[in-house]
Protein backbone atom coordinates (compact mmCIF):
# COMPACT_ATOMS: atom_id res chain seq x y z
CA UNK A 1 1.95 19.26 18.11
CA UNK A 2 3.78 18.41 14.93
CA UNK A 3 2.65 19.75 11.32
CA UNK A 4 3.34 15.76 9.84
CA UNK A 5 1.48 14.25 13.09
CA UNK A 6 -1.48 17.01 12.57
CA UNK A 7 -1.52 15.83 8.99
CA UNK A 8 -1.44 12.12 9.41
CA UNK A 9 -4.64 12.52 11.77
CA UNK A 10 -6.36 14.43 9.07
CA UNK A 11 -6.16 11.80 7.43
CA UNK A 12 -7.82 9.50 10.05
CA UNK A 13 -5.45 6.68 9.29
CA UNK A 14 -3.19 7.76 11.24
CA UNK A 15 -3.02 4.34 13.09
CA UNK A 16 -1.34 2.51 9.57
CA UNK A 17 2.15 3.94 9.95
CA UNK A 18 1.87 4.52 13.84
CA UNK A 19 1.69 8.06 14.08
CA UNK A 20 0.44 9.29 17.54
CA UNK A 21 -3.33 10.73 18.02
CA UNK A 22 -4.17 14.21 18.14
CA UNK A 23 -6.99 13.73 20.51
CA UNK A 24 -6.83 10.26 22.80
CA UNK A 25 -10.35 9.54 21.50
CA UNK A 26 -9.23 9.12 17.75
CA UNK A 27 -7.93 5.45 18.44
CA UNK A 28 -11.41 4.66 17.16
CA UNK A 29 -10.67 6.27 13.80
CA UNK A 30 -9.11 2.98 12.05
CA UNK A 31 -11.43 1.08 13.60
CA UNK A 32 -14.18 3.09 12.16
CA UNK A 33 -12.75 3.09 9.02
CA UNK A 34 -12.29 -0.47 8.62
CA UNK A 35 -15.95 -0.77 9.44
CA UNK A 36 -17.02 1.47 6.78
CA UNK A 37 -14.71 -0.27 4.32
CA UNK A 38 -17.03 -3.64 5.11
CA UNK A 39 -20.30 -1.79 5.22
CA UNK A 40 -19.19 -0.39 1.51
CA UNK A 41 -18.61 -3.96 0.42
CA UNK A 42 -21.72 -4.33 1.80
CA UNK A 43 -23.29 -1.76 -0.45
CA UNK A 44 -21.97 -3.32 -3.43
CA UNK A 45 -23.12 -6.29 -3.17
CA UNK A 46 -26.53 -5.16 -2.20
CA UNK A 47 -27.99 -4.32 1.45
CA UNK A 48 -30.74 -6.43 1.94
CA UNK A 49 -32.09 -7.66 5.71
CA UNK A 50 -31.16 -10.96 4.55
CA UNK A 51 -28.07 -10.38 3.39
CA UNK A 52 -27.15 -8.23 6.35
CA UNK A 53 -28.36 -10.68 9.02
CA UNK A 54 -26.17 -13.72 7.49
CA UNK A 55 -23.11 -11.43 7.25
CA UNK A 56 -23.34 -10.69 10.95
CA UNK A 57 -23.72 -14.17 11.50
CA UNK A 58 -20.73 -15.01 9.35
CA UNK A 59 -18.58 -11.96 11.02
CA UNK A 60 -19.48 -13.23 14.63
CA UNK A 61 -18.17 -17.18 13.29
CA UNK A 62 -15.01 -15.46 12.07
CA UNK A 63 -14.90 -13.33 15.19
CA UNK A 64 -14.70 -16.40 17.35
CA UNK A 65 -12.42 -18.28 14.75
CA UNK A 66 -9.88 -15.29 15.01
CA UNK A 67 -9.97 -15.49 19.19
CA UNK A 68 -9.82 -18.81 18.87
CA UNK A 69 -6.73 -19.06 16.28
CA UNK A 70 -8.30 -21.14 13.74
CA UNK A 71 -7.63 -18.65 10.98
CA UNK A 72 -4.76 -16.26 10.48
CA UNK A 73 -4.37 -13.36 12.68
CA UNK A 74 -3.60 -11.01 9.20
CA UNK A 75 -7.65 -11.56 9.21
CA UNK A 76 -7.88 -10.10 11.93
CA UNK A 77 -7.41 -6.81 10.06
CA UNK A 78 -11.33 -7.32 8.37
CA UNK A 79 -13.05 -9.54 11.41
CA UNK A 80 -11.94 -6.82 14.21
CA UNK A 81 -12.36 -9.40 16.58
CA UNK A 82 -11.83 -7.19 19.54
CA UNK A 83 -14.49 -4.66 18.27
CA UNK A 84 -16.94 -6.91 16.31
CA UNK A 85 -19.69 -7.83 18.96
CA UNK A 86 -20.12 -3.88 19.11
CA UNK A 87 -20.86 -3.51 15.34
CA UNK A 88 -22.91 -6.41 15.29
CA UNK A 89 -25.17 -5.49 18.30
CA UNK A 90 -25.66 -2.05 16.59
CA UNK A 91 -26.58 -2.98 13.15
CA UNK A 92 -28.81 -5.81 14.91
CA UNK A 93 -30.27 -3.03 16.96
CA UNK A 94 -30.83 -1.16 13.98
CA UNK A 95 -32.53 -4.04 12.22
CA UNK A 96 -35.11 -4.49 15.12
CA UNK A 97 -35.69 -0.71 14.96
CA UNK A 98 -36.31 -0.76 10.97
CA UNK A 99 -38.14 -3.54 10.83
CA UNK A 100 -40.70 -2.98 13.86
CA UNK A 101 -39.73 -6.31 15.34
CA UNK A 102 -39.20 -4.65 19.21
CA UNK A 103 -40.81 -1.27 19.30
CA UNK A 104 -38.64 -0.96 22.88
CA UNK A 105 -35.75 -0.79 20.60
CA UNK A 106 -37.33 3.07 19.13
CA UNK A 107 -35.84 3.83 22.83
CA UNK A 108 -32.17 3.34 21.97
CA UNK A 109 -32.46 5.90 18.81
CA UNK A 110 -32.49 9.26 20.80
CA UNK A 111 -29.59 7.44 22.93
CA UNK A 112 -27.68 6.61 19.83
CA UNK A 113 -27.98 10.37 18.55
CA UNK A 114 -25.66 11.46 21.41
CA UNK A 115 -22.81 9.20 21.07
CA UNK A 116 -21.31 11.35 18.39
CA UNK A 117 -21.30 14.41 20.76
CA UNK A 118 -20.41 12.29 23.71
CA UNK A 119 -17.08 10.64 21.98
CA UNK A 120 -15.98 14.46 21.08
CA UNK A 121 -16.71 15.75 24.37
CA UNK A 122 -16.05 12.94 26.98
CA UNK A 123 -12.07 12.50 27.30
CA UNK A 124 -10.88 15.72 27.94
CA UNK A 125 -13.32 17.20 29.96
CA UNK A 126 -13.25 14.03 31.73
CA UNK A 127 -9.56 14.35 32.61
CA UNK A 128 -9.83 17.68 33.90
CA UNK A 129 -12.71 17.48 35.77
CA UNK A 130 -10.97 13.97 37.39
CA UNK A 131 -7.61 15.79 37.84
CA UNK A 132 -9.02 19.05 39.33
CA UNK A 133 -12.03 17.20 42.19
CA UNK A 134 -10.63 13.63 42.11
CA UNK A 135 -9.23 14.21 45.67
CA UNK A 136 -11.58 16.62 46.85
CA UNK A 137 -15.08 14.67 45.78
CA UNK A 138 -16.19 10.75 46.72
CA UNK A 139 -14.77 8.96 43.07
CA UNK A 140 -18.49 7.49 42.94
CA UNK A 141 -19.86 10.69 43.26
CA UNK A 142 -18.07 12.37 40.94
CA UNK A 143 -18.08 9.62 38.25
CA UNK A 144 -21.97 9.67 38.57
CA UNK A 145 -22.00 13.41 38.07
CA UNK A 146 -19.61 13.35 35.31
CA UNK A 147 -21.57 10.80 33.67
CA UNK A 148 -25.27 13.17 33.66
CA UNK A 149 -23.14 16.27 32.88
CA UNK A 150 -21.55 15.19 29.89
CA UNK A 151 -25.19 13.55 28.40
CA UNK A 152 -26.36 17.05 29.13
CA UNK A 153 -23.72 18.40 27.03
CA UNK A 154 -23.94 15.94 24.67
CA UNK A 155 -27.77 16.63 24.32
CA UNK A 156 -27.49 20.38 24.18
CA UNK A 157 -24.39 20.02 21.35
CA UNK A 158 -26.94 17.37 19.54
CA UNK A 159 -29.97 19.35 20.19
CA UNK A 160 -28.50 22.81 19.04
CA UNK A 161 -25.93 22.24 16.94
CA UNK A 162 -25.91 19.05 14.98
CA UNK A 163 -29.83 19.30 14.72
CA UNK A 164 -29.99 22.78 13.48
CA UNK A 165 -26.72 22.41 10.96
CA UNK A 166 -28.03 19.12 9.66
CA UNK A 167 -30.08 20.21 6.90
CA UNK A 168 -27.93 23.31 5.91
CA UNK A 169 -24.48 20.46 5.48
CA UNK A 170 -27.18 18.06 3.57
CA UNK A 171 -28.09 20.64 1.04
CA UNK A 172 -24.65 21.67 1.01
CA UNK A 173 -22.65 17.99 0.50
CA UNK A 174 -25.83 16.88 -2.10
CA UNK A 175 -25.03 16.82 -5.44
CA UNK A 176 -26.80 19.62 -7.33
CA UNK A 177 -28.75 19.92 -10.49
CA UNK A 178 -27.40 20.45 -13.91
CA UNK A 179 -27.39 24.18 -14.81
CA UNK A 180 -29.96 24.51 -17.59
CA UNK A 181 -27.24 25.60 -19.94
CA UNK A 182 -25.49 22.11 -19.32
CA UNK A 183 -28.83 20.48 -20.35
CA UNK A 184 -29.21 22.58 -23.67
CA UNK A 185 -25.31 21.66 -24.33
CA UNK A 186 -25.80 18.09 -23.32
CA UNK A 187 -29.53 17.24 -24.34
CA UNK A 188 -29.66 20.23 -27.26
CA UNK A 189 -33.03 21.30 -25.92
CA UNK A 190 -33.75 23.17 -22.83
CA UNK A 191 -35.33 20.85 -19.64
CA UNK A 192 -38.24 22.38 -18.42
């Protein structure tokens, strides 16, 4: 791996200049970055339940229009018709959970917590296990066993790494209150 490739991957925009991914699962980063830009736009507009729902229906319509060739293909840079349904479904499920329209959706929250650790773990470990055991173990048994092991590993990572570190990371990344000396300099008197 060359240093320029590594540096490009650190930006998470390596797909734009078509630089190879450091990890096979990083193909998703360009897709995710465009999704986050859409969320940023929604945030600037002001996210309400009605606006998000309208946005989801518009997005679904645009995805259909892109796939049907009714709008120029360049629109797919924003619409992401190949992946839009995943984002739309995820946002719709969150709305159902958030606003209590379906209590069964709450069961999906713990599963959702495992998605990021599973994303990080599954590819290389899966490739190695299939390469080493693929000819010795029935493919269906191996696949089912690997799914169970990967979900278990994702749970362990979430429970014993992510959850304990989250509060410390939030404190570290949160804006800090101004020092009292700065308050005196700015306001002319100390705050209590």
